[in-house]
Protein backbone atom coordinates (compact mmCIF):
# COMPACT_ATOMS: atom_id res chain seq x y z
CA MET A 1 33.67 59.65 2.48
CA THR A 2 31.71 57.71 5.24
CA PRO A 3 32.68 54.67 7.38
CA ASP A 4 30.19 52.36 5.28
CA GLU A 5 31.95 53.30 2.18
CA VAL A 6 35.20 51.63 3.34
CA ALA A 7 35.27 47.88 2.81
CA ALA A 8 37.72 47.03 5.70
CA PHE A 9 35.22 48.65 7.99
CA ARG A 10 32.07 46.78 6.52
CA ARG A 11 34.35 43.70 6.41
CA ALA A 12 35.22 44.14 10.22
CA ARG A 13 31.59 44.45 11.16
CA LEU A 14 30.66 41.26 9.33
CA LEU A 15 33.37 39.53 11.43
CA LEU A 16 31.98 41.04 14.67
CA VAL A 17 28.68 40.09 13.76
CA LEU A 18 29.48 36.34 13.07
CA ALA A 19 31.77 36.06 16.39
CA ALA A 20 28.66 37.31 18.31
CA ALA A 21 26.00 35.11 16.33
CA GLY A 22 28.07 31.82 17.45
CA GLU A 23 26.44 30.08 14.49
CA PRO A 24 26.47 29.99 11.01
CA LEU A 25 24.36 32.61 9.06
CA ASP A 26 22.80 32.60 5.93
CA ALA A 27 23.59 35.94 4.01
CA GLU A 28 20.46 37.65 4.25
CA ARG A 29 20.18 37.22 8.27
CA LEU A 30 23.74 38.38 8.33
CA GLY A 31 23.27 41.35 6.15
CA VAL A 32 20.23 42.18 8.46
CA TYR A 33 21.89 41.98 11.69
CA GLU A 34 24.81 43.61 10.35
CA PHE A 35 23.01 46.80 9.33
CA LEU A 36 20.55 47.00 12.20
CA ALA A 37 23.60 46.74 14.74
CA GLY A 38 24.90 49.72 12.89
CA GLN A 39 21.54 51.46 13.13
CA PRO A 40 20.18 49.79 16.29
CA LEU A 41 17.89 52.42 17.16
CA LEU A 42 15.99 51.78 13.95
CA VAL A 43 14.88 48.69 16.26
CA ALA A 44 14.65 50.24 19.81
CA ARG A 45 12.51 53.25 18.77
CA ALA A 46 10.38 53.67 21.81
CA GLU A 47 11.16 55.81 24.18
CA ASP A 48 10.66 53.54 26.84
CA ASP A 49 12.21 50.62 25.21
CA PRO A 50 14.45 48.70 27.99
CA ASP A 51 17.37 48.60 25.27
CA ARG A 52 17.28 52.16 24.32
CA THR A 53 19.19 53.26 27.42
CA THR A 54 22.01 50.42 26.86
CA LEU A 55 22.47 51.50 23.42
CA ARG A 56 22.32 55.18 24.19
CA LEU A 57 25.04 54.84 26.57
CA ALA A 58 27.20 52.97 23.94
CA GLY A 59 26.99 56.02 21.95
CA PHE A 60 24.23 55.48 19.46
CA ASP A 61 22.17 58.47 18.91
CA ASP A 62 18.91 58.60 16.80
CA ARG A 63 19.65 62.43 16.59
CA ALA A 64 22.63 62.01 14.42
CA VAL A 65 22.28 63.64 10.89
CA ALA A 66 22.51 61.03 8.03
CA TYR A 67 22.04 62.25 4.44
CA ALA A 68 19.88 59.15 3.18
CA SER A 69 16.91 57.46 4.68
CA PRO A 70 17.32 53.97 6.62
CA ALA A 71 15.95 52.59 3.40
CA GLN A 72 18.67 53.96 1.10
CA ARG A 73 21.28 53.12 3.48
CA TYR A 74 20.20 49.38 3.85
CA VAL A 75 20.07 48.71 -0.10
CA THR A 76 23.54 50.48 -0.20
CA ALA A 77 24.88 48.12 2.57
CA GLN A 78 23.08 45.00 0.87
CA LEU A 79 24.59 45.90 -2.35
CA HIS A 80 28.30 45.52 -0.98
CA LEU A 81 27.55 42.20 1.05
CA ASN A 82 28.39 39.75 -1.37
CA ARG A 83 31.75 41.12 -2.33
CA ASP A 84 32.63 41.43 1.04
CA LEU A 85 31.51 38.17 2.08
CA ALA A 86 33.44 36.70 -0.76
CA ALA A 87 36.76 38.90 0.26
CA LEU A 88 36.21 37.45 3.88
CA VAL A 89 36.06 34.00 2.16
CA ALA A 90 39.07 34.33 0.20
CA ALA A 91 41.19 35.82 3.00
CA GLY A 92 40.35 32.57 5.06
CA LEU A 93 38.36 34.56 7.87
CA VAL A 94 34.91 32.83 6.75
CA ALA A 95 34.25 29.62 5.64
CA VAL A 96 30.71 28.80 3.62
CA GLN A 97 28.86 25.86 4.02
CA ALA A 98 26.44 24.49 1.80
CA ALA A 99 23.97 22.42 3.52
CA GLY A 100 20.36 23.08 2.17
CA ARG A 101 21.19 26.33 2.39
CA VAL A 102 24.30 28.50 1.96
CA THR A 103 25.76 29.79 5.41
CA TYR A 104 28.81 31.57 6.59
CA ARG A 105 30.79 30.68 9.71
CA LEU A 106 34.04 32.37 11.27
CA THR A 107 37.21 30.32 10.65
CA GLU A 108 39.69 30.14 13.66
CA GLU A 109 41.37 32.89 12.06
CA GLY A 110 38.53 34.81 11.70
CA ALA A 111 37.55 34.51 15.13
CA SER A 112 41.32 35.55 16.38
CA MET A 113 40.91 38.53 14.43
CA ALA A 114 37.39 39.64 15.56
CA SER A 115 38.52 39.10 18.87
CA ARG A 116 41.54 41.42 18.58
CA PHE A 117 39.31 44.62 17.65
CA THR A 118 39.53 47.04 20.60
CA ALA A 119 38.45 50.19 19.09
CA MET A 120 35.76 52.07 21.20
CA TYR A 121 33.49 51.58 18.13
CA ALA A 122 33.82 47.85 18.00
CA GLN A 123 33.00 47.66 21.45
CA SER A 124 29.92 49.79 21.12
CA TYR A 125 29.03 47.62 17.93
CA ILE A 126 29.34 44.28 19.66
CA THR A 127 26.57 45.87 22.38
CA ALA A 128 24.45 46.57 19.52
CA VAL A 129 24.96 43.22 17.60
CA ARG A 130 24.27 41.46 20.89
CA ILE A 131 20.88 43.16 21.45
CA VAL A 132 19.96 42.94 17.79
CA ILE A 133 20.57 39.11 17.57
CA ARG A 134 19.04 38.53 21.06
CA ARG A 135 15.92 40.08 19.64
CA LEU A 136 15.73 38.94 16.20
CA ARG A 137 17.24 35.49 16.52
CA ARG A 138 14.20 33.54 16.70
CA MET A 139 12.12 35.46 14.06
CA SER A 140 11.28 33.41 10.88
CA GLY A 141 12.74 34.95 7.54
CA ARG A 142 9.17 36.24 6.81
CA LYS A 143 8.83 37.86 10.27
CA LEU A 144 12.31 39.21 10.14
CA ARG A 145 11.43 40.83 6.44
CA GLU A 146 8.30 42.37 7.60
CA SER A 147 9.59 43.64 10.64
CA LEU A 148 12.62 45.12 8.76
CA ARG A 149 10.11 47.31 6.50
CA GLN A 150 8.59 48.80 9.35
CA TRP A 151 12.17 49.47 10.86
CA LEU A 152 13.18 51.23 7.68
CA LEU A 153 10.18 53.75 7.41
CA PRO A 154 10.82 57.08 8.57
CA VAL A 155 9.88 58.08 12.25
CA PRO A 156 7.02 60.69 12.39
CA VAL A 157 8.55 63.84 13.46
CA LYS A 158 7.11 64.88 16.61
CA ASP A 159 5.44 68.61 16.43
CA VAL A 160 7.64 71.17 18.43
CA SER A 161 5.17 73.78 18.46
């Protein structure tokens, strides 16, 4: 079983994304941020990308073995998103707002819980979340979806001969 298959792990990551965002997010943007923060080197692919070193120092490695493509992992993550958000709302950690569009924000209890995560992974993930949000926050929904399609494509393997 991978950590992404554990509901508590996925829900904790959603809390960290909402805490870092500091503003309500719709489910689409929240799901994209949460996924890309878990695989931030999809966004910072270029060797000369200034965020790449920070992410590598935080423990992210694009050489790690994965048994599913990024696109497959994204689809799987999206299948869990609505159930995870509903559980966080039911637990009183996230509130739903419907004003033109449905958005999610942390409650005081959710913010308190997110601030208590101290595991090394949580610290690394927060670093990635901040980079992802900084890079994607100003993108329109259309531009975000177009960029996501590109990031989910496999990286060509360099010739090793």
